[in-house]
Amino acid sequence: MLPNLIVVGAMKSGTTSLHSYLDLHPQISMSHPKELDFFVLEKNWSKGVKWYEAHFAGEARIQGESSPNYTKCHVFAGVAKRMHSLLPEARLIYILRDPIARIVSHYLHNLAADREKRSISEALSDLENNHYVLCSRYYMQLERYLDCFPESSILVITAEDLGRRRRQTLQQVFRFLAVDDSFYSQGFSHVLHRSSDKKRTNRIGWIWSRLPGKRIVKTLVPFPIRLAKAYALLSTSKVKRAVLDEKLKDKLVDHLGSDVDRLKRYTGNDFEGWCL
């Protein structure tokens, strides 16, 4: 069975929470794991359709997956065309977030994963061809899908609406998918992967990770739960909130303004609460 729903992004905009909420609906079954990245040539495309189909089973009317890498066209080209060639009738959901808040969250994500060593000012010193910035050029990313899919197959929602008006936003999503929009679950109250919860490995964790024989010790002497929790507290530190100075923020507003204007015209949404 092939999916008929793809959450295409954007990264750090609530895709994990949305994926979880969708999976709670009895008429919807979302993939496990969440991010299959099948239509990314450089990742899982070579594994073939049978590999992809194996992630979808059951009798739910809607089968879906969520891969934010699908809206990184500046890194992974041709995703929308590959998707349309296999799933021309698919429904697509693009969940967005204030583009500057998303950039900061993306930066913190990479900082916590030890993939980013620069300060945020250094990381954003050049806004042209900047990965963080290009991931927030939402209309540019969306255009690739509009070239392949009809507008009626694409729903654009925001993380802000999912946060402030969760039930109404999910009802909108359910109507778009033609499933029961009256469904409600207590699980809708959970928010996953908050940026404020981000932690990174500290010096204690760094030393432990490089101890010879560490894996053998862990296998022979399993950590009691309390000890494991204590280790997690000692070996990680909370990532400090990154703050943009006003000058850099103004530069980002100017740089992203035309893309957001095009997005507003396309969706008819003024994106209340965004900083531009």
Protein backbone atom coordinates (compact mmCIF):
# COMPACT_ATOMS: atom_id res chain seq x y z
CA MET A 1 0.00 0.00 0.00
CA LEU A 2 1.23 3.48 -0.86
CA PRO A 3 0.44 6.59 1.21
CA ASN A 4 -2.07 9.23 0.17
CA LEU A 5 -0.88 11.90 2.63
CA ILE A 6 2.52 13.56 2.91
CA VAL A 7 3.44 16.20 5.49
CA VAL A 8 6.23 17.92 3.56
CA GLY A 9 7.63 20.26 6.24
CA ALA A 10 8.80 22.72 7.31
CA MET A 11 11.60 21.64 9.64
CA LYS A 12 11.19 22.90 13.25
CA SER A 13 7.59 23.93 12.60
CA GLY A 14 5.66 21.29 14.51
CA THR A 15 5.78 18.36 12.08
CA THR A 16 6.44 15.87 14.89
CA SER A 17 3.43 17.02 16.91
CA LEU A 18 1.21 17.13 13.82
CA HIS A 19 2.32 13.62 12.81
CA SER A 20 1.44 12.39 16.31
CA TYR A 21 -1.99 14.07 16.32
CA LEU A 22 -2.85 12.68 12.89
CA ASP A 23 -1.90 9.17 14.01
CA LEU A 24 -4.40 9.37 16.87
CA HIS A 25 -7.32 9.62 14.44
CA PRO A 26 -8.93 6.18 13.84
CA GLN A 27 -9.21 6.87 10.08
CA ILE A 28 -5.55 7.89 9.74
CA SER A 29 -2.40 5.79 10.06
CA MET A 30 0.96 7.57 10.04
CA SER A 31 4.29 5.88 9.37
CA HIS A 32 6.72 4.66 11.99
CA PRO A 33 9.32 6.03 11.81
CA LYS A 34 7.95 9.44 10.97
CA GLU A 35 10.58 10.62 8.46
CA LEU A 36 10.98 8.18 5.58
CA ASP A 37 12.75 10.59 3.19
CA PHE A 38 11.84 8.27 0.34
CA PHE A 39 11.60 10.93 -2.35
CA VAL A 40 15.04 12.33 -1.53
CA LEU A 41 17.40 10.91 -4.14
CA GLU A 42 20.40 11.20 -1.83
CA LYS A 43 18.66 9.28 0.97
CA ASN A 44 16.12 6.48 0.43
CA TRP A 45 14.89 6.68 -3.17
CA SER A 46 17.24 3.88 -4.23
CA LYS A 47 15.56 1.49 -1.75
CA GLY A 48 12.63 1.22 -4.11
CA VAL A 49 8.84 1.32 -3.95
CA LYS A 50 8.51 -2.02 -2.12
CA TRP A 51 10.64 -0.68 0.74
CA TYR A 52 8.41 2.39 0.89
CA GLU A 53 5.15 0.41 0.73
CA ALA A 54 6.29 -1.77 3.65
CA HIS A 55 5.84 1.22 5.99
CA PHE A 56 2.10 1.45 5.33
CA ALA A 57 -0.41 -1.17 6.38
CA GLY A 58 -3.84 -1.56 7.89
CA GLU A 59 -7.25 -0.43 6.71
CA ALA A 60 -7.13 3.27 7.61
CA ARG A 61 -8.52 5.48 4.84
CA ILE A 62 -5.53 7.83 5.11
CA GLN A 63 -1.96 6.54 5.20
CA GLY A 64 0.77 9.12 5.63
CA GLU A 65 4.31 10.10 6.45
CA SER A 66 6.09 13.34 7.44
CA SER A 67 9.51 14.29 6.09
CA PRO A 68 10.71 17.91 6.49
CA ASN A 69 13.55 17.20 4.06
CA TYR A 70 10.91 17.34 1.32
CA THR A 71 10.94 21.16 1.60
CA LYS A 72 14.68 21.68 1.27
CA CYS A 73 14.74 22.03 -2.50
CA HIS A 74 18.01 23.98 -2.35
CA VAL A 75 19.66 20.83 -0.95
CA PHE A 76 17.51 18.00 -2.33
CA ALA A 77 16.33 18.67 -5.88
CA GLY A 78 13.51 16.90 -7.72
CA VAL A 79 11.52 15.76 -4.68
CA ALA A 80 8.15 17.14 -5.83
CA LYS A 81 8.50 15.59 -9.32
CA ARG A 82 9.40 12.18 -7.89
CA MET A 83 6.50 12.38 -5.46
CA HIS A 84 4.02 13.28 -8.18
CA SER A 85 5.28 10.51 -10.46
CA LEU A 86 4.39 7.92 -7.81
CA LEU A 87 1.59 9.62 -5.85
CA PRO A 88 -0.24 12.00 -8.24
CA GLU A 89 -3.42 11.92 -6.10
CA ALA A 90 -1.69 12.49 -2.75
CA ARG A 91 -2.76 15.17 -0.30
CA LEU A 92 0.06 17.38 0.98
CA ILE A 93 0.25 19.38 4.19
CA TYR A 94 2.85 22.12 4.62
CA ILE A 95 3.04 23.35 8.21
CA LEU A 96 4.89 26.65 8.64
CA ARG A 97 6.14 28.79 11.49
CA ASP A 98 7.24 32.41 11.82
CA PRO A 99 10.25 32.19 9.47
CA ILE A 100 12.64 33.96 11.82
CA ALA A 101 11.56 31.92 14.86
CA ARG A 102 12.05 28.82 12.71
CA ILE A 103 15.59 29.90 11.80
CA VAL A 104 16.49 30.31 15.48
CA SER A 105 14.98 26.91 16.34
CA HIS A 106 16.82 25.28 13.42
CA TYR A 107 20.07 26.81 14.65
CA LEU A 108 19.45 25.52 18.21
CA HIS A 109 18.65 22.07 16.81
CA ASN A 110 22.03 21.92 15.06
CA LEU A 111 23.78 23.36 18.11
CA ALA A 112 22.31 20.67 20.36
CA ALA A 113 23.31 17.98 17.85
CA ASP A 114 26.86 19.36 17.82
CA ARG A 115 26.58 20.13 14.10
CA GLU A 116 26.91 23.87 14.68
CA LYS A 117 29.89 25.57 16.34
CA ARG A 118 29.29 29.18 15.31
CA SER A 119 27.37 31.85 17.17
CA ILE A 120 24.02 32.63 15.60
CA SER A 121 25.37 35.94 14.33
CA GLU A 122 28.23 34.14 12.60
CA ALA A 123 25.87 31.52 11.18
CA LEU A 124 23.73 34.29 9.67
CA SER A 125 26.49 36.66 8.63
CA ASP A 126 25.75 35.99 4.94
CA LEU A 127 22.05 35.61 4.15
CA GLU A 128 22.52 34.67 0.50
CA ASN A 129 22.56 30.91 -0.11
CA ASN A 130 22.23 30.39 3.64
CA HIS A 131 20.72 27.01 4.55
CA TYR A 132 18.87 28.31 7.62
CA VAL A 133 17.35 31.15 5.61
CA LEU A 134 16.46 29.10 2.53
CA CYS A 135 14.50 26.63 4.69
CA SER A 136 12.38 29.61 5.76
CA ARG A 137 11.69 30.78 2.21
CA TYR A 138 8.39 28.97 2.28
CA TYR A 139 6.88 30.14 -0.99
CA MET A 140 10.06 29.25 -2.85
CA GLN A 141 9.80 25.73 -1.43
CA LEU A 142 6.04 25.54 -2.07
CA GLU A 143 6.42 26.52 -5.74
CA ARG A 144 8.05 23.17 -6.51
CA TYR A 145 4.84 21.43 -5.44
CA LEU A 146 2.54 23.92 -7.16
CA ASP A 147 4.34 23.05 -10.40
CA CYS A 148 3.29 19.41 -9.97
CA PHE A 149 0.15 19.20 -7.83
CA PRO A 150 -3.18 21.06 -8.03
CA GLU A 151 -3.74 23.73 -5.40
CA SER A 152 -6.67 21.73 -4.04
CA SER A 153 -4.25 18.95 -3.03
CA ILE A 154 -2.13 21.22 -0.82
CA LEU A 155 -3.03 22.56 2.63
CA VAL A 156 -0.90 25.23 4.30
CA ILE A 157 -1.26 25.59 8.07
CA THR A 158 0.91 27.16 10.77
CA ALA A 159 2.52 25.99 13.97
CA GLU A 160 1.11 29.10 15.65
CA ASP A 161 -2.47 28.07 14.80
CA LEU A 162 -1.75 24.49 15.84
CA GLY A 163 -0.54 25.86 19.17
CA ARG A 164 -3.22 28.48 19.86
CA ARG A 165 -6.22 26.96 18.07
CA ARG A 166 -5.34 23.30 18.05
CA ARG A 167 -8.79 21.79 17.89
CA GLN A 168 -10.00 24.14 15.14
CA THR A 169 -6.80 23.65 13.14
CA LEU A 170 -7.01 19.87 13.39
CA GLN A 171 -10.65 20.04 12.32
CA GLN A 172 -9.49 21.98 9.25
CA VAL A 173 -6.90 19.27 8.56
CA PHE A 174 -9.43 16.48 9.04
CA ARG A 175 -11.89 18.15 6.64
CA PHE A 176 -9.09 18.51 4.08
CA LEU A 177 -8.47 14.76 4.40
CA ALA A 178 -12.20 13.95 4.29
CA VAL A 179 -12.19 12.13 7.63
CA ASP A 180 -14.39 12.64 10.70
CA ASP A 181 -13.64 16.19 11.84
CA SER A 182 -15.46 15.77 15.14
CA PHE A 183 -12.80 13.36 16.44
CA TYR A 184 -10.98 14.54 19.58
CA SER A 185 -8.29 12.91 21.72
CA GLN A 186 -6.65 13.85 25.03
CA GLY A 187 -3.41 13.22 23.16
CA PHE A 188 -3.96 16.50 21.32
CA SER A 189 -2.76 18.30 24.46
CA HIS A 190 0.82 17.04 24.07
CA VAL A 191 3.49 19.13 22.35
CA LEU A 192 6.58 17.28 21.15
CA HIS A 193 10.17 18.45 20.60
CA ARG A 194 10.01 21.92 22.16
CA SER A 195 13.10 24.03 21.42
CA SER A 196 13.20 25.04 25.09
CA ASP A 197 13.86 21.39 25.99
CA LYS A 198 16.97 21.10 23.82
CA LYS A 199 20.10 19.72 25.47
CA ARG A 200 23.60 19.02 24.22
CA THR A 201 26.38 16.73 25.41
CA ASN A 202 28.68 18.49 27.91
CA ARG A 203 32.29 17.71 28.86
CA ILE A 204 31.28 14.79 31.11
CA GLY A 205 29.27 13.26 28.30
CA TRP A 206 32.07 13.91 25.81
CA ILE A 207 34.61 12.09 28.03
CA TRP A 208 32.23 9.17 28.66
CA SER A 209 31.48 8.77 24.94
CA ARG A 210 35.18 8.29 24.26
CA LEU A 211 36.00 5.81 27.01
CA PRO A 212 37.40 2.53 25.60
CA GLY A 213 35.22 -0.48 26.31
CA LYS A 214 32.19 1.69 27.14
CA ARG A 215 29.77 -0.39 25.05
CA ILE A 216 30.97 -3.65 26.55
CA VAL A 217 30.51 -2.28 30.08
CA LYS A 218 26.99 -1.08 29.26
CA THR A 219 26.11 -4.52 27.85
CA LEU A 220 27.48 -6.48 30.80
CA VAL A 221 26.26 -4.08 33.49
CA PRO A 222 22.93 -2.55 32.43
CA PHE A 223 22.25 0.86 33.99
CA PRO A 224 19.48 0.91 36.61
CA ILE A 225 16.82 3.45 35.62
CA ARG A 226 17.82 5.88 38.39
CA LEU A 227 21.47 5.71 37.42
CA ALA A 228 20.61 6.23 33.77
CA LYS A 229 18.57 9.32 34.68
CA ALA A 230 21.42 10.64 36.83
CA TYR A 231 23.85 10.10 33.97
CA ALA A 232 21.55 11.98 31.58
CA LEU A 233 21.45 14.94 33.98
CA LEU A 234 25.21 14.98 34.46
CA SER A 235 26.23 14.41 30.84
CA THR A 236 24.02 16.98 29.12
CA SER A 237 23.47 20.69 29.52
CA LYS A 238 20.50 22.76 28.45
CA VAL A 239 21.11 24.70 25.25
CA LYS A 240 21.02 28.44 25.94
CA ARG A 241 18.41 30.43 24.08
CA ALA A 242 19.88 32.14 21.02
CA VAL A 243 19.02 35.83 20.78
CA LEU A 244 19.08 37.80 17.54
CA ASP A 245 20.18 41.40 17.83
CA GLU A 246 17.75 43.91 16.33
CA LYS A 247 20.02 44.79 13.41
CA LEU A 248 20.28 41.16 12.30
CA LYS A 249 16.57 40.62 12.83
CA ASP A 250 15.80 43.64 10.63
CA LYS A 251 18.10 42.25 7.91
CA LEU A 252 16.21 38.94 8.02
CA VAL A 253 12.86 40.72 7.82
CA ASP A 254 14.01 42.61 4.74
CA HIS A 255 15.54 39.52 3.15
CA LEU A 256 12.47 37.29 3.66
CA GLY A 257 9.83 39.96 3.09
CA SER A 258 9.16 39.34 -0.61
CA ASP A 259 8.82 35.56 -0.10
CA VAL A 260 6.34 36.06 2.76
CA ASP A 261 4.38 38.57 0.67
CA ARG A 262 4.00 35.99 -2.11
CA LEU A 263 2.94 33.39 0.46
CA LYS A 264 0.31 35.77 1.86
CA ARG A 265 -1.11 36.44 -1.60
CA TYR A 266 -1.27 32.74 -2.38
CA THR A 267 -2.88 31.61 0.88
CA GLY A 268 -4.96 34.67 1.72
CA ASN A 269 -3.56 34.35 5.24
CA ASP A 270 -1.97 37.36 6.94
CA PHE A 271 -0.07 35.04 9.32
CA GLU A 272 -1.08 36.76 12.52
CA GLY A 273 1.69 36.71 15.09
CA TRP A 274 4.55 36.49 12.63
CA CYS A 275 7.17 39.23 12.83
CA LEU A 276 6.87 40.02 9.10
